[in-house]
Amino acid sequence: MSPAKLPPLRLGGRELKPIVQGGMGVGISAHRLAGTVAANNAVGTLASVDLRRHHPDLMARTTNIGAGEEARAAINAANLEALDREIGAARRLAAGAGLLAVNVMRAVSDYAAYVRQAAASGIDAIVVGAGLPLDLPELTADHPRVALVPILSDARGIALVLKKWERKGRLPDAIVIEHPRHAGGHLGAARIEDLDDPRFEFEQVIPEARALLRSLGAEDRVPLIPAGGINTPQRVRQLFDLGASAVQVGTAFAVTEEGDAHPEFKRVLAEAKPEDIVEFISVAGLPARAVRTPWLENYLRLASRLQAKAAVRTATKRCTMVFDCLAQCGLRDGIAKIGQFCIDHQLAAALRGDVMSGLFFRGDGRLPFGSQIRPVRELIAFLLGETDALARSAPAGQTAAVT
């Protein structure tokens, strides 16, 4: 007998499949991936940072323009224009189905401008991680219909956001609870040593979050969406039994046929073995998780030497990216104890499939289809336990195993 169908996610006044595609930058989740996920009546998410890299005319406009305030302003303006274009293109792909979100990192210096642009461009939801978005209600005050979704990792952070937002007459429309032990990219822990802290376990955080919402009379109004290490329909159902209303998945969507990155990017992520995945301190001062590529292997070998020279190098060499992609950058600001590389440059190399130079962020779990690159609709069907639908869509001669 088949298990009961999971209830829909109610968000933004819509009933959706309870699957959220995580935002992945630079350019990994752009209009093609987000629009396709939404077209399947789930939540598709564009990552806001440096989307000009998907637009040759904007790249031509902002290449070899020197340094200084004018160059920085030109690049930031191009990225806002790219965000507007990508939202429009995703909207056309979705054709009225699902829900479209934009992910904005609180840690980027142009955070407020990205939030305002996303809202003005008609996005359905704004998702903010890599910091506490305490000012998000004010930034979107002119767009009250935009759903606001913070990404948090423990009950303490959830309690702080709820307290601050409640004073402003607003509660989150949903909360993504990201487990730093399993997620990819920048992680919601202060130190690598903290990644295994029990306070991040879903079995602890979800009940604590529900209790906090219950105290505000909002337990049934704010969906909880766990993220990180979710790769089977059984795990999805376990999290629903804990009180989740949906799940967020990143890496598995990045390697779908409709993912916006280069095929070589997908291959690197899909073929990575557990021993190929490494945690390190990024330029933003946060732990991060990525595939051990030649570039990352070389960087980790040289990191201590680069950190020792951080202050001297900053005094003699300006940031070559000319725009402040992060509010705090170890390389630009000469902060010796954190990462010493240009994250935008390395993520852009990954986007175009450059294995020798790229930084390939990835979660630590096994992918649902192993090393296969499959369509978005099959991934959604698999996670929801719709095995009949999955079997019908499997390539001839293949059977997708439910693990």
Protein backbone atom coordinates (compact mmCIF):
# COMPACT_ATOMS: atom_id res chain seq x y z
CA MET A 1 0.00 0.00 0.00
CA SER A 2 1.38 3.42 -0.99
CA PRO A 3 1.97 5.97 1.78
CA ALA A 4 -0.46 8.88 1.99
CA LYS A 5 0.29 11.82 -0.26
CA LEU A 6 2.14 14.62 1.51
CA PRO A 7 0.11 17.79 2.16
CA PRO A 8 0.79 20.83 -0.03
CA LEU A 9 2.95 23.74 1.05
CA ARG A 10 0.81 26.82 1.57
CA LEU A 11 2.94 29.88 0.83
CA GLY A 12 2.24 33.21 -0.82
CA GLY A 13 -1.47 32.43 -1.06
CA ARG A 14 -0.79 29.29 -3.15
CA GLU A 15 -0.89 25.54 -2.70
CA LEU A 16 2.39 24.06 -3.91
CA LYS A 17 4.24 20.79 -4.05
CA PRO A 18 6.23 20.77 -0.79
CA ILE A 19 9.62 20.98 -2.49
CA VAL A 20 11.81 24.10 -2.42
CA GLN A 21 14.82 24.39 -4.72
CA GLY A 22 17.61 26.16 -2.85
CA GLY A 23 19.31 29.26 -4.20
CA MET A 24 22.83 28.63 -5.50
CA GLY A 25 25.23 31.29 -6.77
CA VAL A 26 27.15 32.43 -8.68
CA GLY A 27 24.61 31.75 -11.43
CA ILE A 28 23.96 28.07 -10.62
CA SER A 29 20.27 28.65 -10.00
CA ALA A 30 19.21 31.25 -12.53
CA HIS A 31 16.03 31.55 -14.61
CA ARG A 32 16.13 28.15 -16.35
CA LEU A 33 16.32 26.08 -13.16
CA ALA A 34 14.06 28.28 -11.03
CA GLY A 35 11.48 28.67 -13.78
CA THR A 36 11.38 24.93 -14.46
CA VAL A 37 10.94 24.08 -10.78
CA ALA A 38 8.09 26.59 -10.53
CA ALA A 39 6.54 25.18 -13.72
CA ASN A 40 6.31 21.88 -11.82
CA ASN A 41 4.28 23.70 -9.13
CA ALA A 42 7.10 23.77 -6.59
CA VAL A 43 9.25 26.68 -5.33
CA GLY A 44 12.02 27.73 -7.73
CA THR A 45 14.74 30.02 -6.40
CA LEU A 46 17.08 32.37 -8.24
CA ALA A 47 20.38 33.21 -6.51
CA SER A 48 20.77 36.98 -6.83
CA VAL A 49 24.53 37.45 -6.76
CA ASP A 50 26.43 38.39 -9.96
CA LEU A 51 23.80 37.26 -12.46
CA ARG A 52 25.35 39.48 -15.14
CA ARG A 53 27.51 36.43 -15.93
CA HIS A 54 24.53 34.93 -17.76
CA HIS A 55 24.21 38.03 -20.00
CA PRO A 56 26.99 38.63 -22.55
CA ASP A 57 25.98 42.24 -23.17
CA LEU A 58 26.17 43.07 -19.46
CA MET A 59 29.53 41.31 -19.16
CA ALA A 60 30.84 43.27 -22.16
CA ARG A 61 29.62 46.48 -20.54
CA THR A 62 31.44 45.72 -17.27
CA THR A 63 34.70 44.13 -18.46
CA ASN A 64 38.00 46.05 -18.51
CA ILE A 65 36.44 49.17 -17.03
CA GLY A 66 39.19 49.81 -14.50
CA ALA A 67 38.75 50.26 -10.77
CA GLY A 68 37.18 52.80 -8.48
CA GLU A 69 33.73 53.95 -7.52
CA GLU A 70 32.42 54.38 -11.09
CA ALA A 71 33.42 50.85 -12.05
CA ARG A 72 31.89 49.42 -8.88
CA ALA A 73 28.64 51.29 -9.50
CA ALA A 74 28.53 50.06 -13.11
CA ILE A 75 28.94 46.42 -12.08
CA ASN A 76 26.34 46.69 -9.33
CA ALA A 77 23.89 48.31 -11.76
CA ALA A 78 24.51 45.54 -14.31
CA ASN A 79 23.82 42.89 -11.69
CA LEU A 80 20.53 44.53 -10.71
CA GLU A 81 19.53 44.68 -14.38
CA ALA A 82 20.45 41.01 -14.74
CA LEU A 83 18.34 40.12 -11.71
CA ASP A 84 15.34 41.88 -13.25
CA ARG A 85 15.87 40.05 -16.56
CA GLU A 86 16.24 36.67 -14.85
CA ILE A 87 13.06 37.12 -12.82
CA GLY A 88 11.17 37.96 -16.01
CA ALA A 89 12.59 34.97 -17.86
CA ALA A 90 11.80 32.61 -14.97
CA ARG A 91 8.27 33.98 -14.82
CA ARG A 92 7.77 33.19 -18.51
CA LEU A 93 9.03 29.63 -18.04
CA ALA A 94 6.81 29.06 -15.00
CA ALA A 95 3.76 30.20 -17.00
CA GLY A 96 1.77 31.02 -13.86
CA ALA A 97 2.56 27.80 -11.99
CA GLY A 98 4.39 27.37 -8.70
CA LEU A 99 6.16 30.13 -6.83
CA LEU A 100 9.34 32.05 -7.65
CA ALA A 101 11.79 33.23 -4.99
CA VAL A 102 15.05 35.15 -4.96
CA ASN A 103 17.79 34.20 -2.51
CA VAL A 104 19.86 37.12 -1.21
CA MET A 105 22.87 36.67 1.07
CA ARG A 106 22.79 39.05 4.03
CA ALA A 107 26.59 39.04 3.85
CA VAL A 108 26.79 40.83 0.47
CA SER A 109 27.33 44.57 0.60
CA ASP A 110 24.56 45.23 -1.95
CA TYR A 111 22.07 43.13 0.02
CA ALA A 112 19.48 45.92 0.40
CA ALA A 113 19.63 46.83 -3.30
CA TYR A 114 19.10 43.19 -4.32
CA VAL A 115 16.11 42.89 -1.98
CA ARG A 116 14.51 46.09 -3.31
CA GLN A 117 15.13 45.09 -6.94
CA ALA A 118 13.67 41.61 -6.46
CA ALA A 119 10.54 43.07 -4.88
CA ALA A 120 10.20 45.76 -7.57
CA SER A 121 10.63 43.10 -10.30
CA GLY A 122 7.60 41.23 -8.98
CA ILE A 123 9.19 38.25 -7.24
CA ASP A 124 6.84 36.12 -5.12
CA ALA A 125 9.23 35.54 -2.21
CA ILE A 126 12.58 36.74 -0.88
CA VAL A 127 14.76 34.24 0.97
CA VAL A 128 17.70 35.55 3.02
CA GLY A 129 20.57 33.58 4.54
CA ALA A 130 24.23 34.11 5.51
CA GLY A 131 23.25 36.45 8.33
CA LEU A 132 20.22 37.63 10.27
CA PRO A 133 17.81 39.62 8.06
CA LEU A 134 16.45 41.76 10.88
CA ASP A 135 15.67 44.66 8.51
CA LEU A 136 13.91 42.64 5.79
CA PRO A 137 10.38 43.83 6.73
CA GLU A 138 11.44 47.49 6.34
CA LEU A 139 13.20 46.88 3.03
CA THR A 140 10.04 45.32 1.55
CA ALA A 141 7.46 47.58 3.20
CA ASP A 142 6.28 48.89 -0.19
CA HIS A 143 5.63 45.32 -1.38
CA PRO A 144 3.52 43.67 1.34
CA ARG A 145 2.55 40.73 -0.87
CA VAL A 146 6.14 39.49 -1.18
CA ALA A 147 6.63 36.48 1.11
CA LEU A 148 9.63 36.86 3.44
CA VAL A 149 11.62 33.75 4.31
CA PRO A 150 14.73 33.82 6.53
CA ILE A 151 17.24 30.96 6.48
CA LEU A 152 18.30 30.05 10.02
CA SER A 153 20.02 27.07 11.61
CA ASP A 154 19.07 26.90 15.29
CA ALA A 155 16.31 27.86 17.71
CA ARG A 156 18.30 30.81 19.06
CA GLY A 157 18.45 32.50 15.66
CA ILE A 158 14.79 31.74 14.99
CA ALA A 159 13.78 33.24 18.35
CA LEU A 160 15.75 36.44 17.65
CA VAL A 161 14.20 36.96 14.20
CA LEU A 162 10.69 36.25 15.49
CA LYS A 163 11.15 38.71 18.36
CA LYS A 164 12.52 41.52 16.16
CA TRP A 165 9.99 41.01 13.36
CA GLU A 166 7.02 40.76 15.70
CA ARG A 167 7.82 44.25 17.00
CA LYS A 168 7.49 45.44 13.40
CA GLY A 169 4.11 43.78 12.98
CA ARG A 170 5.41 41.04 10.70
CA LEU A 171 6.14 37.34 11.01
CA PRO A 172 8.08 35.27 8.47
CA ASP A 173 5.91 33.69 5.79
CA ALA A 174 8.07 30.57 6.19
CA ILE A 175 11.39 29.66 7.80
CA VAL A 176 14.08 27.58 6.13
CA ILE A 177 16.02 25.61 8.76
CA GLU A 178 19.40 24.78 7.23
CA HIS A 179 21.57 22.08 8.81
CA PRO A 180 25.22 23.19 8.52
CA ARG A 181 26.47 19.61 8.84
CA HIS A 182 25.00 18.68 5.45
CA ALA A 183 24.35 21.81 3.34
CA GLY A 184 26.62 23.15 0.61
CA GLY A 185 28.14 26.61 0.23
CA HIS A 186 28.34 28.96 3.19
CA LEU A 187 27.15 27.29 6.38
CA GLY A 188 25.18 28.60 9.35
CA ALA A 189 27.81 27.94 12.01
CA ALA A 190 30.51 30.16 13.45
CA ARG A 191 33.31 27.55 13.27
CA ILE A 192 34.00 24.26 11.54
CA GLU A 193 34.10 22.68 15.00
CA ASP A 194 30.46 23.69 15.50
CA LEU A 195 29.10 21.76 12.50
CA ASP A 196 28.31 18.69 14.61
CA ASP A 197 26.65 20.64 17.43
CA PRO A 198 23.37 18.88 18.44
CA ARG A 199 21.54 22.21 18.44
CA PHE A 200 21.44 22.02 14.64
CA GLU A 201 19.73 18.63 14.45
CA PHE A 202 16.31 18.81 12.82
CA GLU A 203 14.95 16.53 15.52
CA GLN A 204 15.78 19.31 18.00
CA VAL A 205 15.29 22.51 15.99
CA ILE A 206 11.91 21.76 14.39
CA PRO A 207 10.07 21.03 17.68
CA GLU A 208 11.74 24.06 19.30
CA ALA A 209 10.70 26.27 16.38
CA ARG A 210 7.13 24.98 16.54
CA ALA A 211 7.04 25.79 20.26
CA LEU A 212 8.27 29.33 19.59
CA LEU A 213 5.61 29.84 16.93
CA ARG A 214 2.94 28.34 19.20
CA SER A 215 3.77 30.94 21.85
CA LEU A 216 2.98 33.61 19.24
CA GLY A 217 -0.21 31.90 18.08
CA ALA A 218 1.40 31.32 14.68
CA GLU A 219 2.23 27.60 14.68
CA ASP A 220 -0.09 26.90 11.74
CA ARG A 221 0.80 30.08 9.82
CA VAL A 222 4.58 29.81 9.40
CA PRO A 223 5.75 26.72 7.48
CA LEU A 224 9.06 25.19 8.56
CA ILE A 225 11.29 24.02 5.72
CA PRO A 226 14.35 21.93 6.67
CA ALA A 227 17.33 22.00 4.29
CA GLY A 228 20.52 19.95 4.07
CA GLY A 229 21.17 16.24 3.57
CA ILE A 230 17.66 15.43 2.32
CA ASN A 231 17.96 12.91 -0.50
CA THR A 232 15.27 10.21 -0.12
CA PRO A 233 11.47 10.18 0.10
CA GLN A 234 11.81 8.38 3.42
CA ARG A 235 13.79 11.27 4.91
CA VAL A 236 11.25 13.74 3.53
CA ARG A 237 8.44 11.86 5.27
CA GLN A 238 10.40 11.68 8.54
CA LEU A 239 10.78 15.45 8.52
CA PHE A 240 7.08 15.93 7.84
CA ASP A 241 6.37 13.71 10.84
CA LEU A 242 8.54 16.09 12.91
CA GLY A 243 6.47 19.08 11.79
CA ALA A 244 8.01 20.21 8.50
CA SER A 245 5.74 21.65 5.80
CA ALA A 246 8.22 21.22 2.93
CA VAL A 247 11.90 20.45 2.34
CA GLN A 248 14.60 22.46 0.58
CA VAL A 249 17.11 20.73 -1.69
CA GLY A 250 20.11 22.34 -3.38
CA THR A 251 22.85 20.18 -4.90
CA ALA A 252 20.44 17.62 -6.37
CA PHE A 253 18.74 20.43 -8.33
CA ALA A 254 22.08 21.93 -9.42
CA VAL A 255 22.88 18.75 -11.36
CA THR A 256 19.52 18.41 -13.12
CA GLU A 257 19.24 18.76 -16.88
CA GLU A 258 17.75 22.23 -16.43
CA GLY A 259 20.43 23.49 -14.03
CA ASP A 260 21.97 26.75 -15.28
CA ALA A 261 25.62 25.72 -14.87
CA HIS A 262 28.01 24.19 -17.41
CA PRO A 263 27.74 20.39 -17.93
CA GLU A 264 31.23 19.99 -16.45
CA PHE A 265 30.02 21.66 -13.24
CA LYS A 266 27.24 19.09 -13.00
CA ARG A 267 29.66 16.24 -13.63
CA VAL A 268 32.03 17.38 -10.86
CA LEU A 269 29.21 17.59 -8.31
CA ALA A 270 27.51 14.38 -9.40
CA GLU A 271 30.67 12.26 -9.38
CA ALA A 272 32.12 13.61 -6.12
CA LYS A 273 32.69 10.93 -3.48
CA PRO A 274 32.41 11.60 0.29
CA GLU A 275 36.19 11.88 0.58
CA ASP A 276 36.18 14.54 -2.16
CA ILE A 277 34.06 16.95 -0.08
CA VAL A 278 35.82 19.30 2.31
CA GLU A 279 34.98 22.04 4.84
CA PHE A 280 37.10 25.19 5.08
CA ILE A 281 36.82 28.82 6.21
CA SER A 282 35.66 31.06 3.38
CA VAL A 283 36.52 34.69 2.68
CA ALA A 284 33.31 35.75 4.47
CA GLY A 285 34.61 34.18 7.68
CA LEU A 286 32.02 31.39 7.59
CA PRO A 287 32.63 27.66 7.23
CA ALA A 288 31.91 26.44 3.71
CA ARG A 289 31.61 23.05 2.02
CA ALA A 290 32.86 22.26 -1.50
CA VAL A 291 34.38 19.61 -3.75
CA ARG A 292 38.16 19.16 -3.40
CA THR A 293 39.13 20.32 -6.91
CA PRO A 294 42.73 21.13 -7.98
CA TRP A 295 42.21 24.81 -7.16
CA LEU A 296 40.79 24.13 -3.69
CA GLU A 297 43.48 21.52 -2.95
CA ASN A 298 46.16 24.07 -3.84
CA TYR A 299 44.48 26.84 -1.85
CA LEU A 300 44.17 24.69 1.29
CA ARG A 301 47.87 23.82 1.00
CA LEU A 302 48.82 27.51 0.82
CA ALA A 303 46.15 28.98 3.12
CA SER A 304 48.31 29.49 6.20
CA ARG A 305 51.03 31.19 4.13
CA LEU A 306 48.48 33.46 2.43
CA GLN A 307 46.91 34.36 5.76
CA ALA A 308 50.29 35.32 7.20
CA LYS A 309 50.77 37.80 4.34
CA ALA A 310 47.19 39.12 4.35
CA ALA A 311 47.78 42.58 5.85
CA VAL A 312 50.87 43.29 3.73
CA ARG A 313 49.16 42.21 0.50
CA THR A 314 46.11 44.37 1.20
CA ALA A 315 48.29 47.43 1.73
CA THR A 316 49.99 46.98 -1.65
CA LYS A 317 47.26 45.54 -3.90
CA ARG A 318 43.69 46.68 -4.45
CA CYS A 319 40.80 44.28 -4.99
CA THR A 320 40.79 43.42 -8.69
CA MET A 321 37.02 42.83 -8.72
CA VAL A 322 36.42 46.58 -8.08
CA PHE A 323 33.00 45.94 -6.57
CA ASP A 324 32.32 44.89 -2.98
CA CYS A 325 30.64 41.55 -3.45
CA LEU A 326 30.89 40.74 0.28
CA ALA A 327 30.44 43.15 3.17
CA GLN A 328 33.44 41.42 4.78
CA CYS A 329 36.13 39.83 2.63
CA GLY A 330 39.29 38.29 4.01
CA LEU A 331 41.25 39.00 0.82
CA ARG A 332 40.10 42.58 0.28
CA ASP A 333 40.12 43.62 3.93
CA GLY A 334 43.31 41.86 4.98
CA ILE A 335 41.64 39.74 7.67
CA ALA A 336 44.30 37.11 8.23
CA LYS A 337 42.24 34.54 10.13
CA ILE A 338 39.74 33.92 7.31
CA GLY A 339 39.83 33.00 3.60
CA GLN A 340 42.30 34.63 1.23
CA PHE A 341 40.85 34.24 -2.27
CA CYS A 342 38.34 36.01 -4.51
CA ILE A 343 35.13 34.05 -4.11
CA ASP A 344 33.39 35.69 -7.06
CA HIS A 345 36.26 34.79 -9.39
CA GLN A 346 36.38 31.17 -8.22
CA LEU A 347 32.58 30.66 -8.30
CA ALA A 348 32.41 32.21 -11.77
CA ALA A 349 35.05 29.71 -12.94
CA ALA A 350 32.92 26.87 -11.55
CA LEU A 351 29.84 28.21 -13.37
CA ARG A 352 31.64 27.86 -16.71
CA GLY A 353 32.92 24.38 -15.78
CA ASP A 354 36.58 25.29 -15.19
CA VAL A 355 37.69 22.43 -12.92
CA MET A 356 41.25 23.72 -12.55
CA SER A 357 40.20 27.17 -11.26
CA GLY A 358 36.67 26.79 -9.91
CA LEU A 359 35.21 26.55 -6.42
CA PHE A 360 32.45 23.93 -6.61
CA PHE A 361 30.12 24.25 -3.62
CA ARG A 362 28.26 21.03 -2.78
CA GLY A 363 26.29 19.42 0.05
CA ASP A 364 27.77 16.33 1.68
CA GLY A 365 25.03 13.80 0.94
CA ARG A 366 24.58 11.17 -1.73
CA LEU A 367 22.56 12.46 -4.68
CA PRO A 368 19.18 10.80 -5.35
CA PHE A 369 20.23 9.57 -8.83
CA GLY A 370 23.91 9.05 -8.11
CA SER A 371 26.00 10.40 -10.98
CA GLN A 372 23.05 10.57 -13.41
CA ILE A 373 21.90 13.94 -14.73
CA ARG A 374 18.09 13.76 -14.76
CA PRO A 375 15.21 16.25 -15.30
CA VAL A 376 13.73 18.44 -12.57
CA ARG A 377 10.35 16.72 -12.79
CA GLU A 378 11.91 13.34 -12.00
CA LEU A 379 13.74 14.70 -8.96
CA ILE A 380 10.56 16.25 -7.57
CA ALA A 381 8.60 13.04 -8.18
CA PHE A 382 11.30 10.97 -6.47
CA LEU A 383 11.48 13.18 -3.37
CA LEU A 384 7.71 13.10 -2.99
CA GLY A 385 7.65 9.32 -3.22
CA GLU A 386 5.71 9.32 -6.48
CA THR A 387 7.41 6.16 -7.69
CA ASP A 388 4.82 5.39 -10.36
CA ALA A 389 5.35 8.79 -11.97
CA LEU A 390 9.10 8.33 -11.70
CA ALA A 391 9.01 4.89 -13.33
CA ARG A 392 6.98 6.27 -16.22
CA SER A 393 9.58 8.99 -16.83
CA ALA A 394 12.72 6.82 -16.40
CA PRO A 395 14.87 6.31 -19.52
CA ALA A 396 14.36 3.01 -21.31
CA GLY A 397 16.21 0.17 -19.63
CA GLN A 398 16.72 2.07 -16.36
CA THR A 399 14.92 1.72 -13.06
CA ALA A 400 15.28 4.49 -10.52
CA ALA A 401 15.79 2.85 -7.13
CA VAL A 402 14.11 4.33 -4.08
CA THR A 403 16.84 4.30 -1.43
